[in-house]
Structures are given as C-alpha cells and as structure tokens.
C-alpha cells in the first residue's frame, strides 16, 4: 500500500513537474518574418499597366489625325487686360445672379463661335471628295479627367449666353471627374478649344480632334513688356495657337480666324455689338 502510494505520488509529482517545465503556448515567441531581399545597388525597376479603353481610343484618334491631316499651326498673342478687368468687376454679381463663376472660357467660346460664322471653312470637314459646311457651332472643350482626356461638346455655342456656357462647363467638369460623361455628350463637335494654360503651359501646338478641321490652344497668362502706342507697358498676355487642316483651310482664313478671336477677347464689347 505504501509502495503504491509512493509510486502514485512519484508519478503525479513527475507529471506536475513536466507541466510546470513546459511553457504555455500563449507565451511562445512569434516567428520572425522572412527578411526582404535587398535591392542591388543601381537596380532598374519597372511596372506594366494595361491601357484603359479611353486612353487607347484617344491614342488611335490622335495618331490618325497626324497621319491623315496636313496640319499647320499659326500663333498670336492676346492682351487680357480688359477681360480680366471685366471679370474682376462683375464676378461677384455674376455668381450671385447665375450661381456659377465667371471665367475666361465663356468669352473665348463666344469669340470662337463668332469667328466660325465668319470663316465657315474652319467649321467644315472633308468627307471623301466633298467639303461639308456645318451651319451650327458645336464646340468641344478638352477636359483632363482621371482616366484621360475627354472632350464634351457645347451644342449651339453661338446661341448660348455667358452664364449658359459657364454653367455647362462646370457641369461637364464635375461629370468628367466622376467619370459619368455619356458618349452622346462627347460626340459631334465641329471645333475644339484646349486650355493648357491651367497647367502652366506657355505655348504649344495642339493636335486636331478628328474629324474636325481645327483646334484652338489657350495658354497661361504671363505679364510681359509690350508696346502700346509709343509706350512700353506691362500687360497680362496669353499666347494662343490655331492648328488647322491645310487641305481645307487656307492660311488667310486661319490667320483671320485667330485674329478675330484676339480682337473679341481684347475688347469683349465687340461680342455684345456683333462687331
């Protein structure tokens, strides 16, 4: 009996000792993460990203225009003094009445619509062996969206008010950011305006948006010394560029068109008086 007690005491003691000797599982140290492989000095890394359908489509259209059109670009410069003064004077009451901000684009669009009426070849297209003259002005506005460049269209821009233009641009800008522009909102334009100035571009030669025949490029406003009368003065100047299809538009028509825009923007009263 004593020997059995003794053996049972010994076995229970040894079991207790073993249990005490083994550390609890929860106290086990976590395994060390594998060491990241160090990049060798001077390594060149790359990543490949699938082009979006929008990016592919834009690339195809622009390359097609470059291969097909006889593109030529003419330049001019615009004194923005009067338009900037007009905006500064009326921007608050304009916003209060119409609910949209008064920018520079509305004046350029109205000036372009007026010039398109005066120079119909710039608003026309080549279709086979025929020239198609459009009696309407549907102006496309190049907008930078997260997925790429989009060009929503302002239908009958010549009949729109300044407030109507600014409201439509604001609505299209919002849709472009949200990616909700419809195909019908981006098709059918007769002329395009691209404003690279919002990104700081000083000059450039825009590429025609097919099947259109011309595109206007706006650029950043910079203060420069210019001659007014016999005086050298500092004025806020913008460079503008018109790229056109020389198969259809002659140099005289292109230069006259761009000069008309310059005159209308430098003196916005010409738009009100249809001069």
C-alpha atoms as a PDB file:
ATOM      1  CA  UNK A   1       0.000   0.000   0.000  1.00  0.00           C
ATOM      2  CA  UNK A   2       2.772   2.399   0.917  1.00  0.00           C
ATOM      3  CA  UNK A   3       4.669   1.455  -2.199  1.00  0.00           C
ATOM      4  CA  UNK A   4       1.617   2.116  -4.352  1.00  0.00           C
ATOM      5  CA  UNK A   5       1.092   5.475  -2.610  1.00  0.00           C
ATOM      6  CA  UNK A   6       4.704   6.241  -3.125  1.00  0.00           C
ATOM      7  CA  UNK A   7       4.586   5.370  -6.800  1.00  0.00           C
ATOM      8  CA  UNK A   8       1.406   7.304  -7.293  1.00  0.00           C
ATOM      9  CA  UNK A   9       2.930  10.312  -5.516  1.00  0.00           C
ATOM     10  CA  UNK A  10       6.017   9.999  -7.712  1.00  0.00           C
ATOM     11  CA  UNK A  11       4.010   9.838 -10.937  1.00  0.00           C
ATOM     12  CA  UNK A  12       1.803  12.786 -10.006  1.00  0.00           C
ATOM     13  CA  UNK A  13       4.866  14.769  -8.984  1.00  0.00           C
ATOM     14  CA  UNK A  14       6.652  13.982 -12.219  1.00  0.00           C
ATOM     15  CA  UNK A  15       3.527  14.961 -14.230  1.00  0.00           C
ATOM     16  CA  UNK A  16       3.283  18.246 -12.347  1.00  0.00           C
ATOM     17  CA  UNK A  17       6.951  18.881 -12.893  1.00  0.00           C
ATOM     18  CA  UNK A  18       6.618  18.233 -16.624  1.00  0.00           C
ATOM     19  CA  UNK A  19       3.615  20.533 -16.890  1.00  0.00           C
ATOM     20  CA  UNK A  20       5.442  23.241 -14.999  1.00  0.00           C
ATOM     21  CA  UNK A  21       8.517  22.823 -17.153  1.00  0.00           C
ATOM     22  CA  UNK A  22       6.636  23.295 -20.486  1.00  0.00           C
ATOM     23  CA  UNK A  23       5.946  26.980 -21.229  1.00  0.00           C
ATOM     24  CA  UNK A  24       2.338  27.917 -22.047  1.00  0.00           C
ATOM     25  CA  UNK A  25       1.544  28.058 -25.770  1.00  0.00           C
ATOM     26  CA  UNK A  26       0.411  31.652 -25.461  1.00  0.00           C
ATOM     27  CA  UNK A  27       3.839  32.671 -24.283  1.00  0.00           C
ATOM     28  CA  UNK A  28       5.612  31.200 -27.320  1.00  0.00           C
ATOM     29  CA  UNK A  29       7.650  33.802 -29.242  1.00  0.00           C
ATOM     30  CA  UNK A  30       6.188  34.714 -32.695  1.00  0.00           C
ATOM     31  CA  UNK A  31       8.082  33.531 -35.745  1.00  0.00           C
ATOM     32  CA  UNK A  32      10.280  36.192 -37.292  1.00  0.00           C
ATOM     33  CA  UNK A  33       9.076  37.397 -40.744  1.00  0.00           C
ATOM     34  CA  UNK A  34      11.302  36.444 -43.650  1.00  0.00           C
ATOM     35  CA  UNK A  35      13.845  39.120 -44.394  1.00  0.00           C
ATOM     36  CA  UNK A  36      13.038  41.169 -47.516  1.00  0.00           C
ATOM     37  CA  UNK A  37      15.551  40.741 -50.269  1.00  0.00           C
ATOM     38  CA  UNK A  38      17.674  43.857 -50.505  1.00  0.00           C
ATOM     39  CA  UNK A  39      17.615  45.612 -53.904  1.00  0.00           C
ATOM     40  CA  UNK A  40      21.002  45.563 -55.528  1.00  0.00           C
ATOM     41  CA  UNK A  41      22.630  48.946 -55.984  1.00  0.00           C
ATOM     42  CA  UNK A  42      21.657  50.589 -59.261  1.00  0.00           C
ATOM     43  CA  UNK A  43      18.632  48.335 -59.807  1.00  0.00           C
ATOM     44  CA  UNK A  44      16.132  49.446 -62.505  1.00  0.00           C
ATOM     45  CA  UNK A  45      12.558  48.530 -61.644  1.00  0.00           C
ATOM     46  CA  UNK A  46       9.558  48.584 -63.989  1.00  0.00           C
ATOM     47  CA  UNK A  47       5.812  48.086 -63.837  1.00  0.00           C
ATOM     48  CA  UNK A  48       3.335  47.395 -66.626  1.00  0.00           C
ATOM     49  CA  UNK A  49      -0.192  48.799 -66.564  1.00  0.00           C
ATOM     50  CA  UNK A  50      -2.891  47.945 -69.084  1.00  0.00           C
ATOM     51  CA  UNK A  51      -4.010  50.973 -71.088  1.00  0.00           C
ATOM     52  CA  UNK A  52      -7.606  51.976 -70.487  1.00  0.00           C
ATOM     53  CA  UNK A  53     -10.041  51.794 -73.388  1.00  0.00           C
ATOM     54  CA  UNK A  54     -10.335  55.585 -73.274  1.00  0.00           C
ATOM     55  CA  UNK A  55      -6.560  56.044 -73.479  1.00  0.00           C
ATOM     56  CA  UNK A  56      -6.344  53.585 -76.386  1.00  0.00           C
ATOM     57  CA  UNK A  57      -9.137  55.349 -78.252  1.00  0.00           C
ATOM     58  CA  UNK A  58      -7.578  58.790 -77.764  1.00  0.00           C
ATOM     59  CA  UNK A  59      -4.197  57.489 -78.936  1.00  0.00           C
ATOM     60  CA  UNK A  60      -5.729  55.965 -82.071  1.00  0.00           C
ATOM     61  CA  UNK A  61      -7.630  59.134 -82.979  1.00  0.00           C
ATOM     62  CA  UNK A  62      -4.695  61.485 -82.436  1.00  0.00           C
ATOM     63  CA  UNK A  63      -2.304  59.301 -84.417  1.00  0.00           C
ATOM     64  CA  UNK A  64      -4.890  59.004 -87.189  1.00  0.00           C
ATOM     65  CA  UNK A  65      -5.149  62.796 -87.333  1.00  0.00           C
ATOM     66  CA  UNK A  66      -1.370  63.121 -87.528  1.00  0.00           C
ATOM     67  CA  UNK A  67      -1.188  60.602 -90.372  1.00  0.00           C
ATOM     68  CA  UNK A  68      -4.135  61.994 -92.355  1.00  0.00           C
ATOM     69  CA  UNK A  69      -4.220  65.769 -91.929  1.00  0.00           C
ATOM     70  CA  UNK A  70      -1.882  68.385 -93.372  1.00  0.00           C
ATOM     71  CA  UNK A  71      -1.609  70.130 -90.001  1.00  0.00           C
ATOM     72  CA  UNK A  72      -0.235  73.621 -89.733  1.00  0.00           C
ATOM     73  CA  UNK A  73      -0.232  75.948 -86.715  1.00  0.00           C
ATOM     74  CA  UNK A  74      -0.478  79.729 -86.592  1.00  0.00           C
ATOM     75  CA  UNK A  75       0.131  81.803 -83.458  1.00  0.00           C
ATOM     76  CA  UNK A  76      -0.932  85.090 -81.938  1.00  0.00           C
ATOM     77  CA  UNK A  77      -0.958  86.787 -78.542  1.00  0.00           C
ATOM     78  CA  UNK A  78      -3.829  88.337 -76.626  1.00  0.00           C
ATOM     79  CA  UNK A  79      -3.755  91.228 -74.180  1.00  0.00           C
ATOM     80  CA  UNK A  80      -6.011  90.022 -71.353  1.00  0.00           C
ATOM     81  CA  UNK A  81      -6.241  93.412 -69.587  1.00  0.00           C
ATOM     82  CA  UNK A  82      -9.847  94.258 -70.493  1.00  0.00           C
ATOM     83  CA  UNK A  83     -11.231  90.752 -69.990  1.00  0.00           C
ATOM     84  CA  UNK A  84      -9.512  90.427 -66.612  1.00  0.00           C
ATOM     85  CA  UNK A  85     -10.883  93.834 -65.624  1.00  0.00           C
ATOM     86  CA  UNK A  86     -14.392  92.814 -66.719  1.00  0.00           C
ATOM     87  CA  UNK A  87     -14.176  89.623 -64.702  1.00  0.00           C
ATOM     88  CA  UNK A  88     -12.865  91.392 -61.602  1.00  0.00           C
ATOM     89  CA  UNK A  89     -15.664  93.965 -61.762  1.00  0.00           C
ATOM     90  CA  UNK A  90     -18.598  91.609 -62.320  1.00  0.00           C
ATOM     91  CA  UNK A  91     -17.570  88.201 -60.939  1.00  0.00           C
ATOM     92  CA  UNK A  92     -19.405  88.655 -57.613  1.00  0.00           C
ATOM     93  CA  UNK A  93     -22.720  89.835 -59.061  1.00  0.00           C
ATOM     94  CA  UNK A  94     -22.427  87.236 -61.828  1.00  0.00           C
ATOM     95  CA  UNK A  95     -22.046  84.460 -59.254  1.00  0.00           C
ATOM     96  CA  UNK A  96     -24.891  85.847 -57.157  1.00  0.00           C
ATOM     97  CA  UNK A  97     -27.301  86.018 -60.094  1.00  0.00           C
ATOM     98  CA  UNK A  98     -26.361  82.924 -62.106  1.00  0.00           C
ATOM     99  CA  UNK A  99     -24.919  80.607 -59.462  1.00  0.00           C
ATOM    100  CA  UNK A 100     -21.725  79.927 -61.452  1.00  0.00           C
ATOM    101  CA  UNK A 101     -18.331  81.601 -61.503  1.00  0.00           C
ATOM    102  CA  UNK A 102     -17.365  83.903 -64.346  1.00  0.00           C
ATOM    103  CA  UNK A 103     -14.227  82.575 -66.011  1.00  0.00           C
ATOM    104  CA  UNK A 104     -12.334  83.328 -69.207  1.00  0.00           C
ATOM    105  CA  UNK A 105     -13.561  80.305 -71.174  1.00  0.00           C
ATOM    106  CA  UNK A 106     -17.013  81.753 -71.839  1.00  0.00           C
ATOM    107  CA  UNK A 107     -15.523  84.738 -73.653  1.00  0.00           C
ATOM    108  CA  UNK A 108     -13.187  82.541 -75.720  1.00  0.00           C
ATOM    109  CA  UNK A 109     -16.033  80.199 -76.658  1.00  0.00           C
ATOM    110  CA  UNK A 110     -18.296  83.057 -77.712  1.00  0.00           C
ATOM    111  CA  UNK A 111     -15.409  84.636 -79.635  1.00  0.00           C
ATOM    112  CA  UNK A 112     -14.688  81.298 -81.365  1.00  0.00           C
ATOM    113  CA  UNK A 113     -18.358  80.829 -82.282  1.00  0.00           C
ATOM    114  CA  UNK A 114     -18.423  84.306 -83.833  1.00  0.00           C
ATOM    115  CA  UNK A 115     -15.222  83.585 -85.782  1.00  0.00           C
ATOM    116  CA  UNK A 116     -16.574  80.226 -87.002  1.00  0.00           C
ATOM    117  CA  UNK A 117     -19.553  82.032 -88.523  1.00  0.00           C
ATOM    118  CA  UNK A 118     -17.230  84.474 -90.264  1.00  0.00           C
ATOM    119  CA  UNK A 119     -14.827  81.763 -91.525  1.00  0.00           C
ATOM    120  CA  UNK A 120     -17.010  78.711 -92.348  1.00  0.00           C
ATOM    121  CA  UNK A 121     -14.080  76.681 -93.714  1.00  0.00           C
ATOM    122  CA  UNK A 122     -12.699  76.336 -90.162  1.00  0.00           C
ATOM    123  CA  UNK A 123     -16.046  74.817 -89.133  1.00  0.00           C
ATOM    124  CA  UNK A 124     -16.168  72.443 -92.115  1.00  0.00           C
ATOM    125  CA  UNK A 125     -14.840  68.914 -92.708  1.00  0.00           C
ATOM    126  CA  UNK A 126     -13.610  66.882 -95.661  1.00  0.00           C
ATOM    127  CA  UNK A 127     -15.754  63.828 -96.471  1.00  0.00           C
ATOM    128  CA  UNK A 128     -14.251  61.857 -99.337  1.00  0.00           C
ATOM    129  CA  UNK A 129     -14.030  64.265-102.267  1.00  0.00           C
ATOM    130  CA  UNK A 130     -16.562  66.683-100.767  1.00  0.00           C
ATOM    131  CA  UNK A 131     -16.422  69.557 -98.269  1.00  0.00           C
ATOM    132  CA  UNK A 132     -19.213  69.568 -95.687  1.00  0.00           C
ATOM    133  CA  UNK A 133     -20.009  73.020 -94.313  1.00  0.00           C
ATOM    134  CA  UNK A 134     -21.829  72.981 -90.973  1.00  0.00           C
ATOM    135  CA  UNK A 135     -24.295  75.775 -90.219  1.00  0.00           C
ATOM    136  CA  UNK A 136     -24.091  75.158 -86.484  1.00  0.00           C
ATOM    137  CA  UNK A 137     -21.329  75.655 -83.913  1.00  0.00           C
ATOM    138  CA  UNK A 138     -20.890  72.710 -81.555  1.00  0.00           C
ATOM    139  CA  UNK A 139     -17.683  73.488 -79.677  1.00  0.00           C
ATOM    140  CA  UNK A 140     -15.780  70.700 -77.916  1.00  0.00           C
ATOM    141  CA  UNK A 141     -13.942  71.539 -74.689  1.00  0.00           C
ATOM    142  CA  UNK A 142     -10.868  69.449 -73.906  1.00  0.00           C
ATOM    143  CA  UNK A 143     -11.054  68.397 -70.243  1.00  0.00           C
ATOM    144  CA  UNK A 144      -8.423  66.426 -68.314  1.00  0.00           C
ATOM    145  CA  UNK A 145     -10.160  63.587 -66.433  1.00  0.00           C
ATOM    146  CA  UNK A 146      -8.634  60.980 -64.070  1.00  0.00           C
ATOM    147  CA  UNK A 147      -8.815  58.307 -66.802  1.00  0.00           C
ATOM    148  CA  UNK A 148      -7.647  60.511 -69.665  1.00  0.00           C
ATOM    149  CA  UNK A 149      -8.604  63.365 -71.956  1.00  0.00           C
ATOM    150  CA  UNK A 150     -12.307  63.870 -72.699  1.00  0.00           C
ATOM    151  CA  UNK A 151     -13.990  66.417 -74.979  1.00  0.00           C
ATOM    152  CA  UNK A 152     -17.589  67.213 -74.012  1.00  0.00           C
ATOM    153  CA  UNK A 153     -19.491  69.324 -76.531  1.00  0.00           C
ATOM    154  CA  UNK A 154     -21.357  72.608 -76.098  1.00  0.00           C
ATOM    155  CA  UNK A 155     -24.218  72.383 -78.603  1.00  0.00           C
ATOM    156  CA  UNK A 156     -25.138  75.593 -80.451  1.00  0.00           C
ATOM    157  CA  UNK A 157     -22.474  77.543 -78.582  1.00  0.00           C
ATOM    158  CA  UNK A 158     -23.196  80.593 -80.730  1.00  0.00           C
ATOM    159  CA  UNK A 159     -26.693  80.826 -79.188  1.00  0.00           C
ATOM    160  CA  UNK A 160     -25.577  80.329 -75.583  1.00  0.00           C
ATOM    161  CA  UNK A 161     -25.183  83.122 -73.026  1.00  0.00           C
ATOM    162  CA  UNK A 162     -22.030  83.642 -70.979  1.00  0.00           C
ATOM    163  CA  UNK A 163     -23.855  82.180 -67.963  1.00  0.00           C
ATOM    164  CA  UNK A 164     -25.051  79.211 -70.017  1.00  0.00           C
ATOM    165  CA  UNK A 165     -21.515  78.474 -71.182  1.00  0.00           C
ATOM    166  CA  UNK A 166     -20.031  78.719 -67.679  1.00  0.00           C
ATOM    167  CA  UNK A 167     -22.793  76.525 -66.234  1.00  0.00           C
ATOM    168  CA  UNK A 168     -22.322  73.864 -68.898  1.00  0.00           C
ATOM    169  CA  UNK A 169     -18.529  73.842 -68.423  1.00  0.00           C
ATOM    170  CA  UNK A 170     -18.918  73.450 -64.652  1.00  0.00           C
ATOM    171  CA  UNK A 171     -21.390  70.576 -65.103  1.00  0.00           C
ATOM    172  CA  UNK A 172     -19.126  68.816 -67.621  1.00  0.00           C
ATOM    173  CA  UNK A 173     -16.097  69.273 -65.360  1.00  0.00           C
ATOM    174  CA  UNK A 174     -17.920  67.587 -62.493  1.00  0.00           C
ATOM    175  CA  UNK A 175     -19.047  64.702 -64.691  1.00  0.00           C
ATOM    176  CA  UNK A 176     -15.512  64.276 -66.058  1.00  0.00           C
ATOM    177  CA  UNK A 177     -14.096  63.893 -62.535  1.00  0.00           C
ATOM    178  CA  UNK A 178     -16.839  61.417 -61.620  1.00  0.00           C
ATOM    179  CA  UNK A 179     -16.452  59.500 -64.885  1.00  0.00           C
ATOM    180  CA  UNK A 180     -20.141  59.870 -65.763  1.00  0.00           C
ATOM    181  CA  UNK A 181     -19.914  61.622 -69.142  1.00  0.00           C
ATOM    182  CA  UNK A 182     -22.042  59.924 -71.776  1.00  0.00           C
ATOM    183  CA  UNK A 183     -20.891  59.134 -75.319  1.00  0.00           C
ATOM    184  CA  UNK A 184     -23.538  61.473 -76.745  1.00  0.00           C
ATOM    185  CA  UNK A 185     -22.076  64.323 -74.663  1.00  0.00           C
ATOM    186  CA  UNK A 186     -18.659  63.865 -76.287  1.00  0.00           C
ATOM    187  CA  UNK A 187     -19.580  63.334 -79.944  1.00  0.00           C
ATOM    188  CA  UNK A 188     -20.425  65.618 -82.829  1.00  0.00           C
ATOM    189  CA  UNK A 189     -18.294  68.690 -82.146  1.00  0.00           C
ATOM    190  CA  UNK A 190     -17.314  70.969 -85.040  1.00  0.00           C
ATOM    191  CA  UNK A 191     -14.367  72.756 -83.355  1.00  0.00           C
ATOM    192  CA  UNK A 192     -12.277  72.213 -80.210  1.00  0.00           C
ATOM    193  CA  UNK A 193     -10.758  74.504 -77.597  1.00  0.00           C
ATOM    194  CA  UNK A 194      -7.975  73.183 -75.357  1.00  0.00           C
ATOM    195  CA  UNK A 195      -6.738  75.205 -72.380  1.00  0.00           C
ATOM    196  CA  UNK A 196      -3.269  74.024 -71.467  1.00  0.00           C
ATOM    197  CA  UNK A 197      -2.790  77.226 -69.515  1.00  0.00           C
ATOM    198  CA  UNK A 198      -4.483  75.725 -66.462  1.00  0.00           C
ATOM    199  CA  UNK A 199      -1.381  73.510 -66.119  1.00  0.00           C
ATOM    200  CA  UNK A 200       1.061  76.349 -66.761  1.00  0.00           C
ATOM    201  CA  UNK A 201       1.756  75.786 -70.456  1.00  0.00           C
ATOM    202  CA  UNK A 202       3.241  78.893 -72.065  1.00  0.00           C
ATOM    203  CA  UNK A 203       2.982  77.722 -75.668  1.00  0.00           C
ATOM    204  CA  UNK A 204       2.187  74.629 -77.693  1.00  0.00           C
ATOM    205  CA  UNK A 205       0.813  73.169 -80.928  1.00  0.00           C
ATOM    206  CA  UNK A 206      -2.452  71.314 -80.259  1.00  0.00           C
ATOM    207  CA  UNK A 207      -3.431  68.293 -82.379  1.00  0.00           C
ATOM    208  CA  UNK A 208      -6.729  68.378 -84.283  1.00  0.00           C
ATOM    209  CA  UNK A 209      -9.575  66.319 -82.851  1.00  0.00           C
ATOM    210  CA  UNK A 210     -10.828  64.307 -85.877  1.00  0.00           C
ATOM    211  CA  UNK A 211     -12.968  64.612 -87.894  1.00  0.00           C
ATOM    212  CA  UNK A 212     -12.795  68.333 -87.130  1.00  0.00           C
ATOM    213  CA  UNK A 213     -10.560  70.661 -89.133  1.00  0.00           C
ATOM    214  CA  UNK A 214      -9.113  72.963 -86.459  1.00  0.00           C
ATOM    215  CA  UNK A 215      -8.380  73.365 -82.757  1.00  0.00           C
ATOM    216  CA  UNK A 216      -7.609  76.425 -80.624  1.00  0.00           C
ATOM    217  CA  UNK A 217      -4.956  76.160 -77.923  1.00  0.00           C
ATOM    218  CA  UNK A 218      -5.083  78.570 -74.975  1.00  0.00           C
ATOM    219  CA  UNK A 219      -2.071  79.032 -72.698  1.00  0.00           C
ATOM    220  CA  UNK A 220      -1.089  80.601 -69.390  1.00  0.00           C
ATOM    221  CA  UNK A 221      -1.305  84.322 -68.755  1.00  0.00           C
ATOM    222  CA  UNK A 222       2.074  85.961 -68.192  1.00  0.00           C
ATOM    223  CA  UNK A 223       2.944  89.586 -67.527  1.00  0.00           C
ATOM    224  CA  UNK A 224       5.193  90.898 -70.291  1.00  0.00           C
ATOM    225  CA  UNK A 225       6.548  94.170 -71.568  1.00  0.00           C
ATOM    226  CA  UNK A 226       4.631  95.191 -74.680  1.00  0.00           C
ATOM    227  CA  UNK A 227       4.436  98.317 -76.819  1.00  0.00           C
ATOM    228  CA  UNK A 228       1.113 100.170 -76.631  1.00  0.00           C
ATOM    229  CA  UNK A 229       1.158 103.247 -78.816  1.00  0.00           C
ATOM    230  CA  UNK A 230       4.643 104.599 -78.256  1.00  0.00           C
ATOM    231  CA  UNK A 231       4.922 103.380 -74.660  1.00  0.00           C
ATOM    232  CA  UNK A 232       6.409 100.205 -73.208  1.00  0.00           C
ATOM    233  CA  UNK A 233       3.955  98.885 -70.614  1.00  0.00           C
ATOM    234  CA  UNK A 234       3.443  95.708 -68.579  1.00  0.00           C
ATOM    235  CA  UNK A 235       0.401  93.739 -69.694  1.00  0.00           C
ATOM    236  CA  UNK A 236      -1.027  90.261 -68.905  1.00  0.00           C
ATOM    237  CA  UNK A 237      -0.522  88.377 -72.170  1.00  0.00           C
ATOM    238  CA  UNK A 238      -1.713  84.982 -73.376  1.00  0.00           C
ATOM    239  CA  UNK A 239      -0.251  83.084 -76.326  1.00  0.00           C
ATOM    240  CA  UNK A 240      -2.835  81.316 -78.480  1.00  0.00           C
ATOM    241  CA  UNK A 241      -2.349  78.764 -81.237  1.00  0.00           C
ATOM    242  CA  UNK A 242      -4.645  77.549 -84.005  1.00  0.00           C
ATOM    243  CA  UNK A 243      -3.809  74.208 -85.593  1.00  0.00           C
ATOM    244  CA  UNK A 244      -5.771  73.625 -88.800  1.00  0.00           C
ATOM    245  CA  UNK A 245      -6.047  71.185 -91.692  1.00  0.00           C
ATOM    246  CA  UNK A 246      -4.275  72.925 -94.541  1.00  0.00           C
ATOM    247  CA  UNK A 247      -6.023  70.675 -97.074  1.00  0.00           C
ATOM    248  CA  UNK A 248      -9.226  72.580 -96.320  1.00  0.00           C
ATOM    249  CA  UNK A 249      -8.296  75.804 -94.538  1.00  0.00           C
ATOM    250  CA  UNK A 250      -6.045  78.332 -96.254  1.00  0.00           C
ATOM    251  CA  UNK A 251      -3.542  80.441 -94.364  1.00  0.00           C
ATOM    252  CA  UNK A 252      -5.577  83.604 -94.900  1.00  0.00           C
ATOM    253  CA  UNK A 253      -8.668  82.033 -93.347  1.00  0.00           C
ATOM    254  CA  UNK A 254      -6.731  80.620 -90.392  1.00  0.00           C
ATOM    255  CA  UNK A 255      -4.943  83.888 -89.607  1.00  0.00           C
ATOM    256  CA  UNK A 256      -8.153  85.888 -89.996  1.00  0.00           C
ATOM    257  CA  UNK A 257      -9.996  83.457 -87.720  1.00  0.00           C
ATOM    258  CA  UNK A 258      -7.382  83.721 -84.965  1.00  0.00           C
ATOM    259  CA  UNK A 259      -7.187  87.493 -85.317  1.00  0.00           C
ATOM    260  CA  UNK A 260     -10.976  87.687 -84.882  1.00  0.00           C
ATOM    261  CA  UNK A 261     -10.719  85.789 -81.584  1.00  0.00           C
ATOM    262  CA  UNK A 262      -7.914  88.093 -80.463  1.00  0.00           C
ATOM    263  CA  UNK A 263      -9.969  91.210 -81.196  1.00  0.00           C
ATOM    264  CA  UNK A 264     -13.081  89.886 -79.427  1.00  0.00           C
ATOM    265  CA  UNK A 265     -11.210  88.843 -76.284  1.00  0.00           C
ATOM    266  CA  UNK A 266      -9.177  92.028 -76.076  1.00  0.00           C
ATOM    267  CA  UNK A 267     -12.379  94.077 -76.342  1.00  0.00           C
ATOM    268  CA  UNK A 268     -15.377  91.958 -75.169  1.00  0.00           C
ATOM    269  CA  UNK A 269     -17.740  94.778 -76.129  1.00  0.00           C
ATOM    270  CA  UNK A 270     -17.332  93.622 -79.742  1.00  0.00           C
ATOM    271  CA  UNK A 271     -19.236  90.444 -78.831  1.00  0.00           C
ATOM    272  CA  UNK A 272     -22.170  92.468 -77.476  1.00  0.00           C
ATOM    273  CA  UNK A 273     -22.246  94.713 -80.541  1.00  0.00           C
ATOM    274  CA  UNK A 274     -21.595  91.854 -83.019  1.00  0.00           C
ATOM    275  CA  UNK A 275     -18.536  93.616 -84.453  1.00  0.00           C
END
